[in-house]
Protein backbone atom coordinates (compact mmCIF):
# COMPACT_ATOMS: atom_id res chain seq x y z
CA UNK A 1 0.00 0.00 0.00
CA UNK A 2 1.28 3.46 -0.90
CA UNK A 3 1.67 5.84 2.03
CA UNK A 4 -0.48 8.97 2.21
CA UNK A 5 1.50 12.22 2.28
CA UNK A 6 0.46 14.64 5.01
CA UNK A 7 1.37 18.21 5.91
CA UNK A 8 1.61 19.59 9.43
CA UNK A 9 0.69 23.22 10.09
CA UNK A 10 2.49 24.81 13.03
CA UNK A 11 5.02 21.99 13.05
CA UNK A 12 7.44 23.71 15.45
CA UNK A 13 4.85 24.32 18.18
CA UNK A 14 4.00 21.80 20.90
CA UNK A 15 0.91 20.38 19.13
CA UNK A 16 2.77 20.24 15.81
CA UNK A 17 5.63 18.43 17.53
CA UNK A 18 3.18 15.84 18.84
CA UNK A 19 1.93 15.22 15.30
CA UNK A 20 5.53 14.90 14.08
CA UNK A 21 6.22 12.37 16.84
CA UNK A 22 3.04 10.37 16.14
CA UNK A 23 3.55 10.24 12.37
CA UNK A 24 7.25 9.38 12.45
CA UNK A 25 7.52 5.80 11.20
CA UNK A 26 3.73 5.44 10.81
CA UNK A 27 2.83 2.59 8.43
CA UNK A 28 0.13 4.56 6.53
CA UNK A 29 1.40 8.16 6.45
CA UNK A 30 4.56 10.04 5.50
CA UNK A 31 5.54 13.70 5.74
CA UNK A 32 4.77 15.68 2.62
CA UNK A 33 5.52 19.07 4.16
CA UNK A 34 6.01 20.79 7.49
CA UNK A 35 4.76 24.36 7.87
CA UNK A 36 5.82 26.97 10.42
CA UNK A 37 6.22 30.74 10.70
CA UNK A 38 8.15 32.88 8.21
CA UNK A 39 11.12 33.15 10.55
CA UNK A 40 11.61 29.39 10.20
CA UNK A 41 11.60 29.45 6.38
CA UNK A 42 14.54 27.75 4.74
CA UNK A 43 15.87 26.26 7.98
CA UNK A 44 16.04 22.64 9.06
CA UNK A 45 13.36 21.45 11.48
CA UNK A 46 15.98 20.61 14.11
CA UNK A 47 17.28 24.20 14.01
CA UNK A 48 13.92 25.88 14.66
CA UNK A 49 11.92 23.46 16.81
CA UNK A 50 12.47 23.94 20.53
CA UNK A 51 11.51 20.35 21.33
CA UNK A 52 9.25 20.20 24.40
CA UNK A 53 8.09 16.59 24.38
CA UNK A 54 9.55 14.01 26.77
CA UNK A 55 10.52 11.87 23.75
CA UNK A 56 13.58 12.20 21.54
CA UNK A 57 13.09 14.34 18.42
CA UNK A 58 12.60 12.14 15.33
CA UNK A 59 15.29 12.27 12.64
PDB file of N, CA and C in Angstrom:
ATOM      1  N   UNK A   1       0.839  -1.185   0.000  1.00  0.00           N
ATOM      2  CA  UNK A   1       0.000   0.000   0.000  1.00  0.00           C
ATOM      3  C   UNK A   1       0.884   1.248   0.000  1.00  0.00           C
ATOM      4  N   UNK A   2       0.543   2.206  -0.830  1.00  0.00           N
ATOM      5  CA  UNK A   2       1.283   3.461  -0.897  1.00  0.00           C
ATOM      6  C   UNK A   2       0.913   4.350   0.282  1.00  0.00           C
ATOM      7  N   UNK A   3       1.921   4.961   0.887  1.00  0.00           N
ATOM      8  CA  UNK A   3       1.671   5.839   2.034  1.00  0.00           C
ATOM      9  C   UNK A   3       1.013   7.140   1.590  1.00  0.00           C
ATOM     10  N   UNK A   4       0.202   7.700   2.459  1.00  0.00           N
ATOM     11  CA  UNK A   4      -0.479   8.971   2.213  1.00  0.00           C
ATOM     12  C   UNK A   4       0.409  10.090   2.731  1.00  0.00           C
ATOM     13  N   UNK A   5       0.676  11.075   1.866  1.00  0.00           N
ATOM     14  CA  UNK A   5       1.495  12.216   2.280  1.00  0.00           C
ATOM     15  C   UNK A   5       0.636  13.201   3.056  1.00  0.00           C
ATOM     16  N   UNK A   6       1.177  13.681   4.168  1.00  0.00           N
ATOM     17  CA  UNK A   6       0.461  14.643   5.009  1.00  0.00           C
ATOM     18  C   UNK A   6       1.334  15.868   5.255  1.00  0.00           C
ATOM     19  N   UNK A   7       0.686  16.989   5.529  1.00  0.00           N
ATOM     20  CA  UNK A   7       1.373  18.211   5.914  1.00  0.00           C
ATOM     21  C   UNK A   7       0.976  18.571   7.333  1.00  0.00           C
ATOM     22  N   UNK A   8       1.885  19.188   8.057  1.00  0.00           N
ATOM     23  CA  UNK A   8       1.609  19.593   9.433  1.00  0.00           C
ATOM     24  C   UNK A   8       1.758  21.102   9.525  1.00  0.00           C
ATOM     25  N   UNK A   9       0.665  21.771   9.886  1.00  0.00           N
ATOM     26  CA  UNK A   9       0.691  23.220  10.093  1.00  0.00           C
ATOM     27  C   UNK A   9       1.139  23.499  11.521  1.00  0.00           C
ATOM     28  N   UNK A  10       1.993  24.490  11.688  1.00  0.00           N
ATOM     29  CA  UNK A  10       2.486  24.810  13.032  1.00  0.00           C
ATOM     30  C   UNK A  10       3.396  23.727  13.572  1.00  0.00           C
ATOM     31  N   UNK A  11       4.211  23.158  12.706  1.00  0.00           N
ATOM     32  CA  UNK A  11       5.020  21.986  13.053  1.00  0.00           C
ATOM     33  C   UNK A  11       6.027  22.217  14.169  1.00  0.00           C
ATOM     34  N   UNK A  12       6.437  23.463  14.407  1.00  0.00           N
ATOM     35  CA  UNK A  12       7.443  23.705  15.448  1.00  0.00           C
ATOM     36  C   UNK A  12       6.831  23.932  16.829  1.00  0.00           C
ATOM     37  N   UNK A  13       5.525  24.134  16.900  1.00  0.00           N
ATOM     38  CA  UNK A  13       4.847  24.318  18.183  1.00  0.00           C
ATOM     39  C   UNK A  13       4.632  22.990  18.888  1.00  0.00           C
ATOM     40  N   UNK A  14       4.142  23.026  20.107  1.00  0.00           N
ATOM     41  CA  UNK A  14       4.003  21.795  20.895  1.00  0.00           C
ATOM     42  C   UNK A  14       3.004  20.808  20.288  1.00  0.00           C
ATOM     43  N   UNK A  15       1.887  21.293  19.752  1.00  0.00           N
ATOM     44  CA  UNK A  15       0.912  20.384  19.125  1.00  0.00           C
ATOM     45  C   UNK A  15       1.484  19.827  17.825  1.00  0.00           C
ATOM     46  N   UNK A  16       2.124  20.690  17.044  1.00  0.00           N
ATOM     47  CA  UNK A  16       2.771  20.241  15.813  1.00  0.00           C
ATOM     48  C   UNK A  16       3.841  19.200  16.091  1.00  0.00           C
ATOM     49  N   UNK A  17       4.598  19.395  17.156  1.00  0.00           N
ATOM     50  CA  UNK A  17       5.630  18.429  17.531  1.00  0.00           C
ATOM     51  C   UNK A  17       5.013  17.078  17.862  1.00  0.00           C
ATOM     52  N   UNK A  18       3.865  17.103  18.502  1.00  0.00           N
ATOM     53  CA  UNK A  18       3.185  15.841  18.837  1.00  0.00           C
ATOM     54  C   UNK A  18       2.776  15.104  17.567  1.00  0.00           C
ATOM     55  N   UNK A  19       2.273  15.846  16.574  1.00  0.00           N
ATOM     56  CA  UNK A  19       1.929  15.220  15.296  1.00  0.00           C
ATOM     57  C   UNK A  19       3.176  14.649  14.622  1.00  0.00           C
ATOM     58  N   UNK A  20       4.277  15.385  14.657  1.00  0.00           N
ATOM     59  CA  UNK A  20       5.535  14.896  14.084  1.00  0.00           C
ATOM     60  C   UNK A  20       5.928  13.591  14.766  1.00  0.00           C
ATOM     61  N   UNK A  21       5.844  13.558  16.083  1.00  0.00           N
ATOM     62  CA  UNK A  21       6.221  12.368  16.844  1.00  0.00           C
ATOM     63  C   UNK A  21       5.298  11.193  16.517  1.00  0.00           C
ATOM     64  N   UNK A  22       3.994  11.445  16.419  1.00  0.00           N
ATOM     65  CA  UNK A  22       3.035  10.371  16.143  1.00  0.00           C
ATOM     66  C   UNK A  22       3.168   9.813  14.728  1.00  0.00           C
ATOM     67  N   UNK A  23       3.485  10.676  13.769  1.00  0.00           N
ATOM     68  CA  UNK A  23       3.549  10.244  12.375  1.00  0.00           C
ATOM     69  C   UNK A  23       4.902   9.669  11.975  1.00  0.00           C
ATOM     70  N   UNK A  24       5.927   9.901  12.765  1.00  0.00           N
ATOM     71  CA  UNK A  24       7.254   9.376  12.453  1.00  0.00           C
ATOM     72  C   UNK A  24       7.216   7.849  12.445  1.00  0.00           C
ATOM     73  N   UNK A  25       7.513   7.258  11.317  1.00  0.00           N
ATOM     74  CA  UNK A  25       7.518   5.804  11.200  1.00  0.00           C
ATOM     75  C   UNK A  25       6.142   5.172  11.103  1.00  0.00           C
ATOM     76  N   UNK A  26       5.091   5.978  10.913  1.00  0.00           N
ATOM     77  CA  UNK A  26       3.731   5.442  10.813  1.00  0.00           C
ATOM     78  C   UNK A  26       3.608   4.598   9.543  1.00  0.00           C
ATOM     79  N   UNK A  27       2.917   3.460   9.605  1.00  0.00           N
ATOM     80  CA  UNK A  27       2.825   2.586   8.433  1.00  0.00           C
ATOM     81  C   UNK A  27       1.936   3.130   7.305  1.00  0.00           C
ATOM     82  N   UNK A  28       1.057   4.080   7.561  1.00  0.00           N
ATOM     83  CA  UNK A  28       0.130   4.561   6.534  1.00  0.00           C
ATOM     84  C   UNK A  28       0.449   5.953   6.013  1.00  0.00           C
ATOM     85  N   UNK A  29       1.180   6.752   6.805  1.00  0.00           N
ATOM     86  CA  UNK A  29       1.400   8.157   6.452  1.00  0.00           C
ATOM     87  C   UNK A  29       2.885   8.480   6.368  1.00  0.00           C
ATOM     88  N   UNK A  30       3.200   9.503   5.555  1.00  0.00           N
ATOM     89  CA  UNK A  30       4.555  10.044   5.496  1.00  0.00           C
ATOM     90  C   UNK A  30       4.465  11.559   5.391  1.00  0.00           C
ATOM     91  N   UNK A  31       5.533  12.238   5.785  1.00  0.00           N
ATOM     92  CA  UNK A  31       5.537  13.697   5.736  1.00  0.00           C
ATOM     93  C   UNK A  31       5.627  14.160   4.292  1.00  0.00           C
ATOM     94  N   UNK A  32       4.693  15.021   3.916  1.00  0.00           N
ATOM     95  CA  UNK A  32       4.769  15.680   2.618  1.00  0.00           C
ATOM     96  C   UNK A  32       5.385  17.049   2.795  1.00  0.00           C
ATOM     97  N   UNK A  33       5.005  17.726   3.880  1.00  0.00           N
ATOM     98  CA  UNK A  33       5.520  19.066   4.162  1.00  0.00           C
ATOM     99  C   UNK A  33       5.276  19.411   5.621  1.00  0.00           C
ATOM    100  N   UNK A  34       6.167  20.236   6.147  1.00  0.00           N
ATOM    101  CA  UNK A  34       6.008  20.792   7.489  1.00  0.00           C
ATOM    102  C   UNK A  34       5.927  22.302   7.333  1.00  0.00           C
ATOM    103  N   UNK A  35       4.961  22.917   7.981  1.00  0.00           N
ATOM    104  CA  UNK A  35       4.762  24.360   7.865  1.00  0.00           C
ATOM    105  C   UNK A  35       4.947  25.022   9.223  1.00  0.00           C
ATOM    106  N   UNK A  36       5.596  26.193   9.194  1.00  0.00           N
ATOM    107  CA  UNK A  36       5.816  26.969  10.418  1.00  0.00           C
ATOM    108  C   UNK A  36       5.808  28.447  10.042  1.00  0.00           C
ATOM    109  N   UNK A  37       6.224  29.295  10.947  1.00  0.00           N
ATOM    110  CA  UNK A  37       6.217  30.740  10.703  1.00  0.00           C
ATOM    111  C   UNK A  37       7.291  31.135   9.683  1.00  0.00           C
ATOM    112  N   UNK A  38       7.186  32.364   9.189  1.00  0.00           N
ATOM    113  CA  UNK A  38       8.148  32.878   8.209  1.00  0.00           C
ATOM    114  C   UNK A  38       9.575  32.866   8.737  1.00  0.00           C
ATOM    115  N   UNK A  39       9.755  33.107  10.013  1.00  0.00           N
ATOM    116  CA  UNK A  39      11.119  33.154  10.555  1.00  0.00           C
ATOM    117  C   UNK A  39      11.802  31.785  10.520  1.00  0.00           C
ATOM    118  N   UNK A  40      11.038  30.736  10.295  1.00  0.00           N
ATOM    119  CA  UNK A  40      11.606  29.391  10.202  1.00  0.00           C
ATOM    120  C   UNK A  40      11.886  28.980   8.758  1.00  0.00           C
ATOM    121  N   UNK A  41      11.478  29.793   7.808  1.00  0.00           N
ATOM    122  CA  UNK A  41      11.598  29.453   6.384  1.00  0.00           C
ATOM    123  C   UNK A  41      13.045  29.177   5.989  1.00  0.00           C
ATOM    124  N   UNK A  42      13.231  28.096   5.255  1.00  0.00           N
ATOM    125  CA  UNK A  42      14.545  27.745   4.737  1.00  0.00           C
ATOM    126  C   UNK A  42      15.480  27.087   5.731  1.00  0.00           C
ATOM    127  N   UNK A  43      15.025  26.868   6.947  1.00  0.00           N
ATOM    128  CA  UNK A  43      15.873  26.256   7.976  1.00  0.00           C
ATOM    129  C   UNK A  43      15.445  24.812   8.211  1.00  0.00           C
ATOM    130  N   UNK A  44      16.351  24.029   8.723  1.00  0.00           N
ATOM    131  CA  UNK A  44      16.036  22.639   9.057  1.00  0.00           C
ATOM    132  C   UNK A  44      15.154  22.607  10.309  1.00  0.00           C
ATOM    133  N   UNK A  45      14.299  21.599  10.359  1.00  0.00           N
ATOM    134  CA  UNK A  45      13.364  21.450  11.475  1.00  0.00           C
ATOM    135  C   UNK A  45      14.102  21.444  12.813  1.00  0.00           C
ATOM    136  N   UNK A  46      15.198  20.725  12.885  1.00  0.00           N
ATOM    137  CA  UNK A  46      15.979  20.610  14.115  1.00  0.00           C
ATOM    138  C   UNK A  46      16.506  21.960  14.594  1.00  0.00           C
ATOM    139  N   UNK A  47      16.757  22.879  13.666  1.00  0.00           N
ATOM    140  CA  UNK A  47      17.282  24.202  14.010  1.00  0.00           C
ATOM    141  C   UNK A  47      16.221  25.102  14.646  1.00  0.00           C
ATOM    142  N   UNK A  48      14.965  24.939  14.240  1.00  0.00           N
ATOM    143  CA  UNK A  48      13.924  25.882  14.657  1.00  0.00           C
ATOM    144  C   UNK A  48      12.962  25.344  15.710  1.00  0.00           C
ATOM    145  N   UNK A  49      12.852  24.036  15.831  1.00  0.00           N
ATOM    146  CA  UNK A  49      11.924  23.460  16.813  1.00  0.00           C
ATOM    147  C   UNK A  49      12.593  23.394  18.182  1.00  0.00           C
ATOM    148  N   UNK A  50      12.003  24.060  19.140  1.00  0.00           N
ATOM    149  CA  UNK A  50      12.469  23.937  20.529  1.00  0.00           C
ATOM    150  C   UNK A  50      11.677  22.776  21.135  1.00  0.00           C
ATOM    151  N   UNK A  51      12.224  21.588  21.004  1.00  0.00           N
ATOM    152  CA  UNK A  51      11.512  20.353  21.333  1.00  0.00           C
ATOM    153  C   UNK A  51      11.086  20.341  22.790  1.00  0.00           C
ATOM    154  N   UNK A  52       9.781  20.159  23.037  1.00  0.00           N
ATOM    155  CA  UNK A  52       9.247  20.204  24.399  1.00  0.00           C
ATOM    156  C   UNK A  52       8.714  18.858  24.882  1.00  0.00           C
ATOM    157  N   UNK A  53       8.647  17.890  23.993  1.00  0.00           N
ATOM    158  CA  UNK A  53       8.088  16.591  24.378  1.00  0.00           C
ATOM    159  C   UNK A  53       9.109  15.761  25.152  1.00  0.00           C
ATOM    160  N   UNK A  54       8.629  14.834  25.994  1.00  0.00           N
ATOM    161  CA  UNK A  54       9.549  14.007  26.774  1.00  0.00           C
ATOM    162  C   UNK A  54      10.152  12.862  25.964  1.00  0.00           C
ATOM    163  N   UNK A  55       9.961  12.886  24.642  1.00  0.00           N
ATOM    164  CA  UNK A  55      10.516  11.872  23.750  1.00  0.00           C
ATOM    165  C   UNK A  55      11.629  12.510  22.934  1.00  0.00           C
ATOM    166  N   UNK A  56      12.511  11.691  22.390  1.00  0.00           N
ATOM    167  CA  UNK A  56      13.577  12.201  21.543  1.00  0.00           C
ATOM    168  C   UNK A  56      12.994  12.714  20.221  1.00  0.00           C
ATOM    169  N   UNK A  57      13.557  13.783  19.695  1.00  0.00           N
ATOM    170  CA  UNK A  57      13.094  14.343  18.423  1.00  0.00           C
ATOM    171  C   UNK A  57      13.381  13.340  17.298  1.00  0.00           C
ATOM    172  N   UNK A  58      12.372  13.053  16.457  1.00  0.00           N
ATOM    173  CA  UNK A  58      12.604  12.140  15.328  1.00  0.00           C
ATOM    174  C   UNK A  58      13.646  12.710  14.366  1.00  0.00           C
ATOM    175  N   UNK A  59      14.290  11.845  13.636  1.00  0.00           N
ATOM    176  CA  UNK A  59      15.292  12.275  12.643  1.00  0.00           C
ATOM    177  C   UNK A  59      14.651  12.880  11.433  1.00  0.00           C
TER     178      UNK A  59
END
